[in-house]
Amino acid sequence: IDRAYILGSIDRKVAATREEIQTAEKKVDDNLNASRTILYICVVAAAVCLTVLSIVFVLRIIEPLVVLEREMAAVAVMMLEDVDTKRPLSALREVRLMQVSFLQMIK
């Protein structure tokens, strides 16, 4: 038995195995970094979408309130012709109740 040959062969296999392990670890690290990047992009996109959605929602709530405020200001100075009594009521219950009360008040 050639001891030097066997030890050399074992050393070559160990080195090849170490190389394979390093290559596999690099692939895992690359996949992990790619997954993190995708996660960050998804989180930012979700935050932007939720922000836009909340802004739209708030504007839809505020719009009839702003109109109602303008009309109340007009009534306060007795300019009843500036009030649009034919305007459709809001879909939001609380705002609709305020509109109905206001319209009853100016009749």
PDB file of N, CA and C in Angstrom:
ATOM      1  N   ILE A   1       0.857  -1.172   0.000  1.00  0.00           N
ATOM      2  CA  ILE A   1       0.000   0.000   0.000  1.00  0.00           C
ATOM      3  C   ILE A   1       0.901   1.231   0.000  1.00  0.00           C
ATOM      4  N   ASP A   2       0.587   2.087  -0.930  1.00  0.00           N
ATOM      5  CA  ASP A   2       1.351   3.340  -1.043  1.00  0.00           C
ATOM      6  C   ASP A   2       0.679   4.401  -0.179  1.00  0.00           C
ATOM      7  N   ARG A   3       1.282   4.579   0.981  1.00  0.00           N
ATOM      8  CA  ARG A   3       0.701   5.479   1.973  1.00  0.00           C
ATOM      9  C   ARG A   3       0.648   6.926   1.479  1.00  0.00           C
ATOM     10  N   ALA A   4       1.621   7.427   0.839  1.00  0.00           N
ATOM     11  CA  ALA A   4       1.677   8.802   0.346  1.00  0.00           C
ATOM     12  C   ALA A   4       0.576   9.032  -0.700  1.00  0.00           C
ATOM     13  N   TYR A   5       0.351   8.019  -1.556  1.00  0.00           N
ATOM     14  CA  TYR A   5      -0.683   8.130  -2.585  1.00  0.00           C
ATOM     15  C   TYR A   5      -2.072   8.228  -1.945  1.00  0.00           C
ATOM     16  N   ILE A   6      -2.325   7.390  -0.969  1.00  0.00           N
ATOM     17  CA  ILE A   6      -3.627   7.370  -0.301  1.00  0.00           C
ATOM     18  C   ILE A   6      -3.855   8.678   0.456  1.00  0.00           C
ATOM     19  N   LEU A   7      -2.854   9.151   1.184  1.00  0.00           N
ATOM     20  CA  LEU A   7      -2.988  10.417   1.903  1.00  0.00           C
ATOM     21  C   LEU A   7      -3.179  11.584   0.939  1.00  0.00           C
ATOM     22  N   GLY A   8      -2.492  11.552  -0.180  1.00  0.00           N
ATOM     23  CA  GLY A   8      -2.649  12.592  -1.202  1.00  0.00           C
ATOM     24  C   GLY A   8      -4.050  12.570  -1.784  1.00  0.00           C
ATOM     25  N   SER A   9      -4.544  11.375  -2.034  1.00  0.00           N
ATOM     26  CA  SER A   9      -5.893  11.216  -2.568  1.00  0.00           C
ATOM     27  C   SER A   9      -6.933  11.735  -1.577  1.00  0.00           C
ATOM     28  N   ILE A  10      -6.723  11.417  -0.313  1.00  0.00           N
ATOM     29  CA  ILE A  10      -7.639  11.888   0.722  1.00  0.00           C
ATOM     30  C   ILE A  10      -7.581  13.409   0.818  1.00  0.00           C
ATOM     31  N   ASP A  11      -6.370  13.966   0.754  1.00  0.00           N
ATOM     32  CA  ASP A  11      -6.223  15.433   0.814  1.00  0.00           C
ATOM     33  C   ASP A  11      -6.930  16.102  -0.362  1.00  0.00           C
ATOM     34  N   ARG A  12      -6.821  15.502  -1.568  1.00  0.00           N
ATOM     35  CA  ARG A  12      -7.499  16.063  -2.750  1.00  0.00           C
ATOM     36  C   ARG A  12      -9.012  16.005  -2.575  1.00  0.00           C
ATOM     37  N   LYS A  13      -9.515  14.916  -2.027  1.00  0.00           N
ATOM     38  CA  LYS A  13     -10.968  14.789  -1.806  1.00  0.00           C
ATOM     39  C   LYS A  13     -11.444  15.781  -0.743  1.00  0.00           C
ATOM     40  N   VAL A  14     -10.652  15.939   0.305  1.00  0.00           N
ATOM     41  CA  VAL A  14     -10.999  16.905   1.348  1.00  0.00           C
ATOM     42  C   VAL A  14     -11.017  18.311   0.763  1.00  0.00           C
ATOM     43  N   ALA A  15     -10.018  18.647  -0.050  1.00  0.00           N
ATOM     44  CA  ALA A  15      -9.969  19.981  -0.672  1.00  0.00           C
ATOM     45  C   ALA A  15     -11.161  20.181  -1.611  1.00  0.00           C
ATOM     46  N   ALA A  16     -11.504  19.163  -2.391  1.00  0.00           N
ATOM     47  CA  ALA A  16     -12.651  19.256  -3.297  1.00  0.00           C
ATOM     48  C   ALA A  16     -13.949  19.428  -2.514  1.00  0.00           C
ATOM     49  N   THR A  17     -14.046  18.701  -1.407  1.00  0.00           N
ATOM     50  CA  THR A  17     -15.239  18.809  -0.568  1.00  0.00           C
ATOM     51  C   THR A  17     -15.339  20.203   0.044  1.00  0.00           C
ATOM     52  N   ARG A  18     -14.213  20.746   0.500  1.00  0.00           N
ATOM     53  CA  ARG A  18     -14.207  22.108   1.059  1.00  0.00           C
ATOM     54  C   ARG A  18     -14.645  23.121  -0.002  1.00  0.00           C
ATOM     55  N   GLU A  19     -14.181  22.939  -1.216  1.00  0.00           N
ATOM     56  CA  GLU A  19     -14.562  23.824  -2.320  1.00  0.00           C
ATOM     57  C   GLU A  19     -16.063  23.753  -2.594  1.00  0.00           C
ATOM     58  N   GLU A  20     -16.590  22.531  -2.582  1.00  0.00           N
ATOM     59  CA  GLU A  20     -18.029  22.358  -2.792  1.00  0.00           C
ATOM     60  C   GLU A  20     -18.831  23.016  -1.675  1.00  0.00           C
ATOM     61  N   ILE A  21     -18.325  22.881  -0.446  1.00  0.00           N
ATOM     62  CA  ILE A  21     -19.005  23.501   0.702  1.00  0.00           C
ATOM     63  C   ILE A  21     -18.985  25.020   0.568  1.00  0.00           C
ATOM     64  N   GLN A  22     -17.840  25.580   0.189  1.00  0.00           N
ATOM     65  CA  GLN A  22     -17.736  27.031   0.025  1.00  0.00           C
ATOM     66  C   GLN A  22     -18.649  27.529  -1.099  1.00  0.00           C
ATOM     67  N   THR A  23     -18.721  26.768  -2.195  1.00  0.00           N
ATOM     68  CA  THR A  23     -19.601  27.131  -3.304  1.00  0.00           C
ATOM     69  C   THR A  23     -21.061  27.085  -2.861  1.00  0.00           C
ATOM     70  N   ALA A  24     -21.425  26.051  -2.120  1.00  0.00           N
ATOM     71  CA  ALA A  24     -22.797  25.930  -1.637  1.00  0.00           C
ATOM     72  C   ALA A  24     -23.126  27.057  -0.659  1.00  0.00           C
ATOM     73  N   GLU A  25     -22.189  27.395   0.232  1.00  0.00           N
ATOM     74  CA  GLU A  25     -22.415  28.494   1.172  1.00  0.00           C
ATOM     75  C   GLU A  25     -22.578  29.825   0.445  1.00  0.00           C
ATOM     76  N   LYS A  26     -21.807  30.036  -0.610  1.00  0.00           N
ATOM     77  CA  LYS A  26     -21.926  31.267  -1.403  1.00  0.00           C
ATOM     78  C   LYS A  26     -23.287  31.335  -2.073  1.00  0.00           C
ATOM     79  N   LYS A  27     -23.770  30.203  -2.613  1.00  0.00           N
ATOM     80  CA  LYS A  27     -25.098  30.184  -3.234  1.00  0.00           C
ATOM     81  C   LYS A  27     -26.184  30.492  -2.216  1.00  0.00           C
ATOM     82  N   VAL A  28     -26.044  29.915  -1.015  1.00  0.00           N
ATOM     83  CA  VAL A  28     -27.020  30.170   0.047  1.00  0.00           C
ATOM     84  C   VAL A  28     -27.016  31.647   0.425  1.00  0.00           C
ATOM     85  N   ASP A  29     -25.825  32.230   0.578  1.00  0.00           N
ATOM     86  CA  ASP A  29     -25.726  33.653   0.911  1.00  0.00           C
ATOM     87  C   ASP A  29     -26.336  34.521  -0.190  1.00  0.00           C
ATOM     88  N   ASP A  30     -26.061  34.183  -1.449  1.00  0.00           N
ATOM     89  CA  ASP A  30     -26.626  34.942  -2.566  1.00  0.00           C
ATOM     90  C   ASP A  30     -28.154  34.849  -2.578  1.00  0.00           C
ATOM     91  N   ASN A  31     -28.678  33.649  -2.352  1.00  0.00           N
ATOM     92  CA  ASN A  31     -30.137  33.472  -2.306  1.00  0.00           C
ATOM     93  C   ASN A  31     -30.744  34.236  -1.134  1.00  0.00           C
ATOM     94  N   LEU A  32     -30.058  34.211  -0.008  1.00  0.00           N
ATOM     95  CA  LEU A  32     -30.543  34.935   1.169  1.00  0.00           C
ATOM     96  C   LEU A  32     -30.582  36.436   0.898  1.00  0.00           C
ATOM     97  N   ASN A  33     -29.533  36.968   0.284  1.00  0.00           N
ATOM     98  CA  ASN A  33     -29.498  38.395  -0.043  1.00  0.00           C
ATOM     99  C   ASN A  33     -30.596  38.758  -1.041  1.00  0.00           C
ATOM    100  N   ALA A  34     -30.812  37.905  -2.033  1.00  0.00           N
ATOM    101  CA  ALA A  34     -31.872  38.153  -3.013  1.00  0.00           C
ATOM    102  C   ALA A  34     -33.241  38.114  -2.330  1.00  0.00           C
ATOM    103  N   SER A  35     -33.433  37.179  -1.425  1.00  0.00           N
ATOM    104  CA  SER A  35     -34.705  37.079  -0.707  1.00  0.00           C
ATOM    105  C   SER A  35     -34.928  38.299   0.177  1.00  0.00           C
ATOM    106  N   ARG A  36     -33.881  38.779   0.823  1.00  0.00           N
ATOM    107  CA  ARG A  36     -33.993  39.984   1.649  1.00  0.00           C
ATOM    108  C   ARG A  36     -34.370  41.185   0.796  1.00  0.00           C
ATOM    109  N   THR A  37     -33.740  41.296  -0.353  1.00  0.00           N
ATOM    110  CA  THR A  37     -34.041  42.411  -1.257  1.00  0.00           C
ATOM    111  C   THR A  37     -35.504  42.362  -1.688  1.00  0.00           C
ATOM    112  N   ILE A  38     -35.979  41.192  -2.041  1.00  0.00           N
ATOM    113  CA  ILE A  38     -37.381  41.042  -2.443  1.00  0.00           C
ATOM    114  C   ILE A  38     -38.294  41.399  -1.276  1.00  0.00           C
ATOM    115  N   LEU A  39     -37.958  40.964  -0.080  1.00  0.00           N
ATOM    116  CA  LEU A  39     -38.750  41.277   1.107  1.00  0.00           C
ATOM    117  C   LEU A  39     -38.805  42.777   1.343  1.00  0.00           C
ATOM    118  N   TYR A  40     -37.662  43.456   1.263  1.00  0.00           N
ATOM    119  CA  TYR A  40     -37.632  44.902   1.463  1.00  0.00           C
ATOM    120  C   TYR A  40     -38.493  45.610   0.422  1.00  0.00           C
ATOM    121  N   ILE A  41     -38.395  45.181  -0.819  1.00  0.00           N
ATOM    122  CA  ILE A  41     -39.191  45.793  -1.890  1.00  0.00           C
ATOM    123  C   ILE A  41     -40.680  45.585  -1.621  1.00  0.00           C
ATOM    124  N   CYS A  42     -41.057  44.391  -1.206  1.00  0.00           N
ATOM    125  CA  CYS A  42     -42.479  44.101  -0.907  1.00  0.00           C
ATOM    126  C   CYS A  42     -42.978  44.940   0.265  1.00  0.00           C
ATOM    127  N   VAL A  43     -42.173  45.093   1.291  1.00  0.00           N
ATOM    128  CA  VAL A  43     -42.578  45.888   2.451  1.00  0.00           C
ATOM    129  C   VAL A  43     -42.750  47.352   2.058  1.00  0.00           C
ATOM    130  N   VAL A  44     -41.807  47.880   1.293  1.00  0.00           N
ATOM    131  CA  VAL A  44     -41.906  49.275   0.857  1.00  0.00           C
ATOM    132  C   VAL A  44     -43.109  49.464  -0.056  1.00  0.00           C
ATOM    133  N   ALA A  45     -43.328  48.539  -0.985  1.00  0.00           N
ATOM    134  CA  ALA A  45     -44.482  48.640  -1.897  1.00  0.00           C
ATOM    135  C   ALA A  45     -45.787  48.580  -1.114  1.00  0.00           C
ATOM    136  N   ALA A  46     -45.868  47.705  -0.132  1.00  0.00           N
ATOM    137  CA  ALA A  46     -47.081  47.618   0.689  1.00  0.00           C
ATOM    138  C   ALA A  46     -47.296  48.902   1.479  1.00  0.00           C
ATOM    139  N   ALA A  47     -46.232  49.464   2.015  1.00  0.00           N
ATOM    140  CA  ALA A  47     -46.354  50.717   2.765  1.00  0.00           C
ATOM    141  C   ALA A  47     -46.829  51.851   1.858  1.00  0.00           C
ATOM    142  N   VAL A  48     -46.278  51.923   0.664  1.00  0.00           N
ATOM    143  CA  VAL A  48     -46.697  52.968  -0.284  1.00  0.00           C
ATOM    144  C   VAL A  48     -48.161  52.774  -0.669  1.00  0.00           C
ATOM    145  N   CYS A  49     -48.549  51.543  -0.974  1.00  0.00           N
ATOM    146  CA  CYS A  49     -49.948  51.265  -1.342  1.00  0.00           C
ATOM    147  C   CYS A  49     -50.903  51.621  -0.213  1.00  0.00           C
ATOM    148  N   LEU A  50     -50.562  51.241   1.012  1.00  0.00           N
ATOM    149  CA  LEU A  50     -51.423  51.555   2.154  1.00  0.00           C
ATOM    150  C   LEU A  50     -51.497  53.054   2.409  1.00  0.00           C
ATOM    151  N   THR A  51     -50.394  53.751   2.198  1.00  0.00           N
ATOM    152  CA  THR A  51     -50.381  55.202   2.368  1.00  0.00           C
ATOM    153  C   THR A  51     -51.297  55.865   1.344  1.00  0.00           C
ATOM    154  N   VAL A  52     -51.163  55.462   0.088  1.00  0.00           N
ATOM    155  CA  VAL A  52     -52.010  56.023  -0.972  1.00  0.00           C
ATOM    156  C   VAL A  52     -53.474  55.702  -0.693  1.00  0.00           C
ATOM    157  N   LEU A  53     -53.755  54.472  -0.318  1.00  0.00           N
ATOM    158  CA  LEU A  53     -55.129  54.073  -0.019  1.00  0.00           C
ATOM    159  C   LEU A  53     -55.708  54.881   1.136  1.00  0.00           C
ATOM    160  N   SER A  54     -54.907  55.104   2.167  1.00  0.00           N
ATOM    161  CA  SER A  54     -55.405  55.879   3.310  1.00  0.00           C
ATOM    162  C   SER A  54     -55.639  57.333   2.925  1.00  0.00           C
ATOM    163  N   ILE A  55     -54.791  57.899   2.075  1.00  0.00           N
ATOM    164  CA  ILE A  55     -54.983  59.283   1.627  1.00  0.00           C
ATOM    165  C   ILE A  55     -56.274  59.395   0.826  1.00  0.00           C
ATOM    166  N   VAL A  56     -56.498  58.454  -0.085  1.00  0.00           N
ATOM    167  CA  VAL A  56     -57.732  58.459  -0.878  1.00  0.00           C
ATOM    168  C   VAL A  56     -58.942  58.323   0.032  1.00  0.00           C
ATOM    169  N   PHE A  57     -58.873  57.434   0.979  1.00  0.00           N
ATOM    170  CA  PHE A  57     -59.980  57.211   1.917  1.00  0.00           C
ATOM    171  C   PHE A  57     -60.273  58.480   2.719  1.00  0.00           C
ATOM    172  N   VAL A  58     -59.240  59.122   3.224  1.00  0.00           N
ATOM    173  CA  VAL A  58     -59.414  60.344   4.005  1.00  0.00           C
ATOM    174  C   VAL A  58     -60.012  61.449   3.145  1.00  0.00           C
ATOM    175  N   LEU A  59     -59.535  61.586   1.912  1.00  0.00           N
ATOM    176  CA  LEU A  59     -60.077  62.621   1.029  1.00  0.00           C
ATOM    177  C   LEU A  59     -61.550  62.376   0.724  1.00  0.00           C
ATOM    178  N   ARG A  60     -61.941  61.129   0.582  1.00  0.00           N
ATOM    179  CA  ARG A  60     -63.362  60.821   0.329  1.00  0.00           C
ATOM    180  C   ARG A  60     -64.214  61.149   1.541  1.00  0.00           C
ATOM    181  N   ILE A  61     -63.665  61.021   2.727  1.00  0.00           N
ATOM    182  CA  ILE A  61     -64.408  61.367   3.934  1.00  0.00           C
ATOM    183  C   ILE A  61     -64.479  62.891   4.093  1.00  0.00           C
ATOM    184  N   ILE A  62     -63.391  63.560   3.834  1.00  0.00           N
ATOM    185  CA  ILE A  62     -63.306  64.996   4.075  1.00  0.00           C
ATOM    186  C   ILE A  62     -64.087  65.809   3.041  1.00  0.00           C
ATOM    187  N   GLU A  63     -64.156  65.345   1.812  1.00  0.00           N
ATOM    188  CA  GLU A  63     -64.790  66.127   0.739  1.00  0.00           C
ATOM    189  C   GLU A  63     -66.202  66.604   1.092  1.00  0.00           C
ATOM    190  N   PRO A  64     -67.129  65.713   1.504  1.00  0.00           N
ATOM    191  CA  PRO A  64     -68.462  66.225   1.841  1.00  0.00           C
ATOM    192  C   PRO A  64     -68.460  67.120   3.078  1.00  0.00           C
ATOM    193  N   LEU A  65     -67.514  66.913   3.979  1.00  0.00           N
ATOM    194  CA  LEU A  65     -67.428  67.777   5.153  1.00  0.00           C
ATOM    195  C   LEU A  65     -66.988  69.187   4.771  1.00  0.00           C
ATOM    196  N   VAL A  66     -66.088  69.298   3.815  1.00  0.00           N
ATOM    197  CA  VAL A  66     -65.630  70.610   3.354  1.00  0.00           C
ATOM    198  C   VAL A  66     -66.784  71.352   2.685  1.00  0.00           C
ATOM    199  N   VAL A  67     -67.554  70.652   1.858  1.00  0.00           N
ATOM    200  CA  VAL A  67     -68.715  71.267   1.207  1.00  0.00           C
ATOM    201  C   VAL A  67     -69.712  71.735   2.270  1.00  0.00           C
ATOM    202  N   LEU A  68     -69.973  70.878   3.241  1.00  0.00           N
ATOM    203  CA  LEU A  68     -70.899  71.224   4.312  1.00  0.00           C
ATOM    204  C   LEU A  68     -70.398  72.430   5.104  1.00  0.00           C
ATOM    205  N   GLU A  69     -69.112  72.494   5.341  1.00  0.00           N
ATOM    206  CA  GLU A  69     -68.530  73.627   6.062  1.00  0.00           C
ATOM    207  C   GLU A  69     -68.739  74.922   5.285  1.00  0.00           C
ATOM    208  N   ARG A  70     -68.501  74.881   3.954  1.00  0.00           N
ATOM    209  CA  ARG A  70     -68.696  76.069   3.120  1.00  0.00           C
ATOM    210  C   ARG A  70     -70.156  76.525   3.157  1.00  0.00           C
ATOM    211  N   GLU A  71     -71.060  75.560   3.077  1.00  0.00           N
ATOM    212  CA  GLU A  71     -72.476  75.905   3.090  1.00  0.00           C
ATOM    213  C   GLU A  71     -72.898  76.468   4.442  1.00  0.00           C
ATOM    214  N   MET A  72     -72.369  75.932   5.520  1.00  0.00           N
ATOM    215  CA  MET A  72     -72.677  76.463   6.847  1.00  0.00           C
ATOM    216  C   MET A  72     -72.155  77.885   6.995  1.00  0.00           C
ATOM    217  N   ALA A  73     -70.982  78.139   6.440  1.00  0.00           N
ATOM    218  CA  ALA A  73     -70.432  79.495   6.487  1.00  0.00           C
ATOM    219  C   ALA A  73     -71.311  80.455   5.692  1.00  0.00           C
ATOM    220  N   ALA A  74     -71.845  79.997   4.560  1.00  0.00           N
ATOM    221  CA  ALA A  74     -72.736  80.837   3.757  1.00  0.00           C
ATOM    222  C   ALA A  74     -74.032  81.118   4.516  1.00  0.00           C
ATOM    223  N   VAL A  75     -74.578  80.119   5.182  1.00  0.00           N
ATOM    224  CA  VAL A  75     -75.810  80.296   5.949  1.00  0.00           C
ATOM    225  C   VAL A  75     -75.567  81.239   7.132  1.00  0.00           C
ATOM    226  N   ALA A  76     -74.385  81.187   7.694  1.00  0.00           N
ATOM    227  CA  ALA A  76     -74.072  82.037   8.844  1.00  0.00           C
ATOM    228  C   ALA A  76     -74.173  83.515   8.485  1.00  0.00           C
ATOM    229  N   VAL A  77     -73.920  83.859   7.217  1.00  0.00           N
ATOM    230  CA  VAL A  77     -74.035  85.255   6.779  1.00  0.00           C
ATOM    231  C   VAL A  77     -75.305  85.457   5.960  1.00  0.00           C
ATOM    232  N   MET A  78     -76.271  84.535   6.136  1.00  0.00           N
ATOM    233  CA  MET A  78     -77.592  84.597   5.516  1.00  0.00           C
ATOM    234  C   MET A  78     -77.564  84.566   3.987  1.00  0.00           C
ATOM    235  N   MET A  79     -76.683  83.822   3.418  1.00  0.00           N
ATOM    236  CA  MET A  79     -76.621  83.647   1.959  1.00  0.00           C
ATOM    237  C   MET A  79     -77.171  82.264   1.640  1.00  0.00           C
ATOM    238  N   LEU A  80     -78.460  82.089   1.798  1.00  0.00           N
ATOM    239  CA  LEU A  80     -79.099  80.793   1.635  1.00  0.00           C
ATOM    240  C   LEU A  80     -79.076  80.295   0.192  1.00  0.00           C
ATOM    241  N   GLU A  81     -78.942  81.208  -0.770  1.00  0.00           N
ATOM    242  CA  GLU A  81     -78.910  80.777  -2.170  1.00  0.00           C
ATOM    243  C   GLU A  81     -77.623  80.022  -2.524  1.00  0.00           C
ATOM    244  N   ASP A  82     -76.603  80.127  -1.686  1.00  0.00           N
ATOM    245  CA  ASP A  82     -75.352  79.398  -1.936  1.00  0.00           C
ATOM    246  C   ASP A  82     -75.427  77.934  -1.509  1.00  0.00           C
ATOM    247  N   VAL A  83     -76.498  77.527  -0.865  1.00  0.00           N
ATOM    248  CA  VAL A  83     -76.638  76.162  -0.381  1.00  0.00           C
ATOM    249  C   VAL A  83     -77.286  75.310  -1.471  1.00  0.00           C
ATOM    250  N   ASP A  84     -76.643  74.229  -1.812  1.00  0.00           N
ATOM    251  CA  ASP A  84     -77.148  73.301  -2.837  1.00  0.00           C
ATOM    252  C   ASP A  84     -77.994  72.232  -2.139  1.00  0.00           C
ATOM    253  N   THR A  85     -79.292  72.401  -2.190  1.00  0.00           N
ATOM    254  CA  THR A  85     -80.172  71.441  -1.524  1.00  0.00           C
ATOM    255  C   THR A  85     -80.420  70.200  -2.373  1.00  0.00           C
ATOM    256  N   LYS A  86     -80.026  70.235  -3.628  1.00  0.00           N
ATOM    257  CA  LYS A  86     -80.231  69.092  -4.531  1.00  0.00           C
ATOM    258  C   LYS A  86     -79.024  68.151  -4.569  1.00  0.00           C
ATOM    259  N   ARG A  87     -77.997  68.523  -3.866  1.00  0.00           N
ATOM    260  CA  ARG A  87     -76.769  67.718  -3.855  1.00  0.00           C
ATOM    261  C   ARG A  87     -77.049  66.353  -3.234  1.00  0.00           C
ATOM    262  N   PRO A  88     -76.504  65.274  -3.828  1.00  0.00           N
ATOM    263  CA  PRO A  88     -76.736  63.944  -3.236  1.00  0.00           C
ATOM    264  C   PRO A  88     -76.069  63.841  -1.864  1.00  0.00           C
ATOM    265  N   LEU A  89     -76.691  63.068  -1.012  1.00  0.00           N
ATOM    266  CA  LEU A  89     -76.162  62.887   0.339  1.00  0.00           C
ATOM    267  C   LEU A  89     -74.961  61.954   0.326  1.00  0.00           C
ATOM    268  N   SER A  90     -74.131  62.114   1.320  1.00  0.00           N
ATOM    269  CA  SER A  90     -72.918  61.305   1.443  1.00  0.00           C
ATOM    270  C   SER A  90     -73.268  59.842   1.738  1.00  0.00           C
ATOM    271  N   ALA A  91     -72.394  58.961   1.323  1.00  0.00           N
ATOM    272  CA  ALA A  91     -72.566  57.534   1.605  1.00  0.00           C
ATOM    273  C   ALA A  91     -72.175  57.198   3.046  1.00  0.00           C
ATOM    274  N   LEU A  92     -71.411  58.076   3.666  1.00  0.00           N
ATOM    275  CA  LEU A  92     -71.001  57.860   5.054  1.00  0.00           C
ATOM    276  C   LEU A  92     -72.119  58.285   5.995  1.00  0.00           C
ATOM    277  N   ARG A  93     -72.503  57.421   6.876  1.00  0.00           N
ATOM    278  CA  ARG A  93     -73.664  57.628   7.744  1.00  0.00           C
ATOM    279  C   ARG A  93     -73.558  58.917   8.557  1.00  0.00           C
ATOM    280  N   GLU A  94     -72.434  59.136   9.230  1.00  0.00           N
ATOM    281  CA  GLU A  94     -72.279  60.296  10.094  1.00  0.00           C
ATOM    282  C   GLU A  94     -72.369  61.589   9.302  1.00  0.00           C
ATOM    283  N   VAL A  95     -71.716  61.621   8.159  1.00  0.00           N
ATOM    284  CA  VAL A  95     -71.743  62.822   7.317  1.00  0.00           C
ATOM    285  C   VAL A  95     -73.153  63.034   6.770  1.00  0.00           C
ATOM    286  N   ARG A  96     -73.814  61.957   6.359  1.00  0.00           N
ATOM    287  CA  ARG A  96     -75.174  62.045   5.834  1.00  0.00           C
ATOM    288  C   ARG A  96     -76.116  62.611   6.902  1.00  0.00           C
ATOM    289  N   LEU A  97     -75.989  62.168   8.160  1.00  0.00           N
ATOM    290  CA  LEU A  97     -76.820  62.690   9.236  1.00  0.00           C
ATOM    291  C   LEU A  97     -76.599  64.185   9.441  1.00  0.00           C
ATOM    292  N   MET A  98     -75.348  64.618   9.363  1.00  0.00           N
ATOM    293  CA  MET A  98     -75.052  66.041   9.488  1.00  0.00           C
ATOM    294  C   MET A  98     -75.666  66.826   8.333  1.00  0.00           C
ATOM    295  N   GLN A  99     -75.580  66.276   7.107  1.00  0.00           N
ATOM    296  CA  GLN A  99     -76.159  66.951   5.953  1.00  0.00           C
ATOM    297  C   GLN A  99     -77.677  67.072   6.093  1.00  0.00           C
ATOM    298  N   VAL A 100     -78.322  65.995   6.502  1.00  0.00           N
ATOM    299  CA  VAL A 100     -79.776  66.014   6.664  1.00  0.00           C
ATOM    300  C   VAL A 100     -80.191  67.022   7.724  1.00  0.00           C
ATOM    301  N   SER A 101     -79.494  67.054   8.837  1.00  0.00           N
ATOM    302  CA  SER A 101     -79.787  68.021   9.901  1.00  0.00           C
ATOM    303  C   SER A 101     -79.599  69.441   9.407  1.00  0.00           C
ATOM    304  N   PHE A 102     -78.556  69.665   8.662  1.00  0.00           N
ATOM    305  CA  PHE A 102     -78.279  70.999   8.137  1.00  0.00           C
ATOM    306  C   PHE A 102     -79.363  71.419   7.147  1.00  0.00           C
ATOM    307  N   LEU A 103     -79.758  70.512   6.268  1.00  0.00           N
ATOM    308  CA  LEU A 103     -80.803  70.844   5.285  1.00  0.00           C
ATOM    309  C   LEU A 103     -82.144  71.109   5.971  1.00  0.00           C
ATOM    310  N   GLN A 104     -82.451  70.394   7.034  1.00  0.00           N
ATOM    311  CA  GLN A 104     -83.673  70.651   7.788  1.00  0.00           C
ATOM    312  C   GLN A 104     -83.610  72.005   8.473  1.00  0.00           C
ATOM    313  N   MET A 105     -82.445  72.383   8.890  1.00  0.00           N
ATOM    314  CA  MET A 105     -82.268  73.633   9.600  1.00  0.00           C
ATOM    315  C   MET A 105     -82.510  74.835   8.671  1.00  0.00           C
ATOM    316  N   ILE A 106     -82.138  74.719   7.415  1.00  0.00           N
ATOM    317  CA  ILE A 106     -82.279  75.876   6.510  1.00  0.00           C
ATOM    318  C   ILE A 106     -83.617  75.921   5.792  1.00  0.00           C
ATOM    319  N   LYS A 107     -84.447  74.893   5.961  1.00  0.00           N
ATOM    320  CA  LYS A 107     -85.760  74.888   5.283  1.00  0.00           C
ATOM    321  C   LYS A 107     -86.695  75.869   5.940  1.00  0.00           C
TER     322      LYS A 107
END
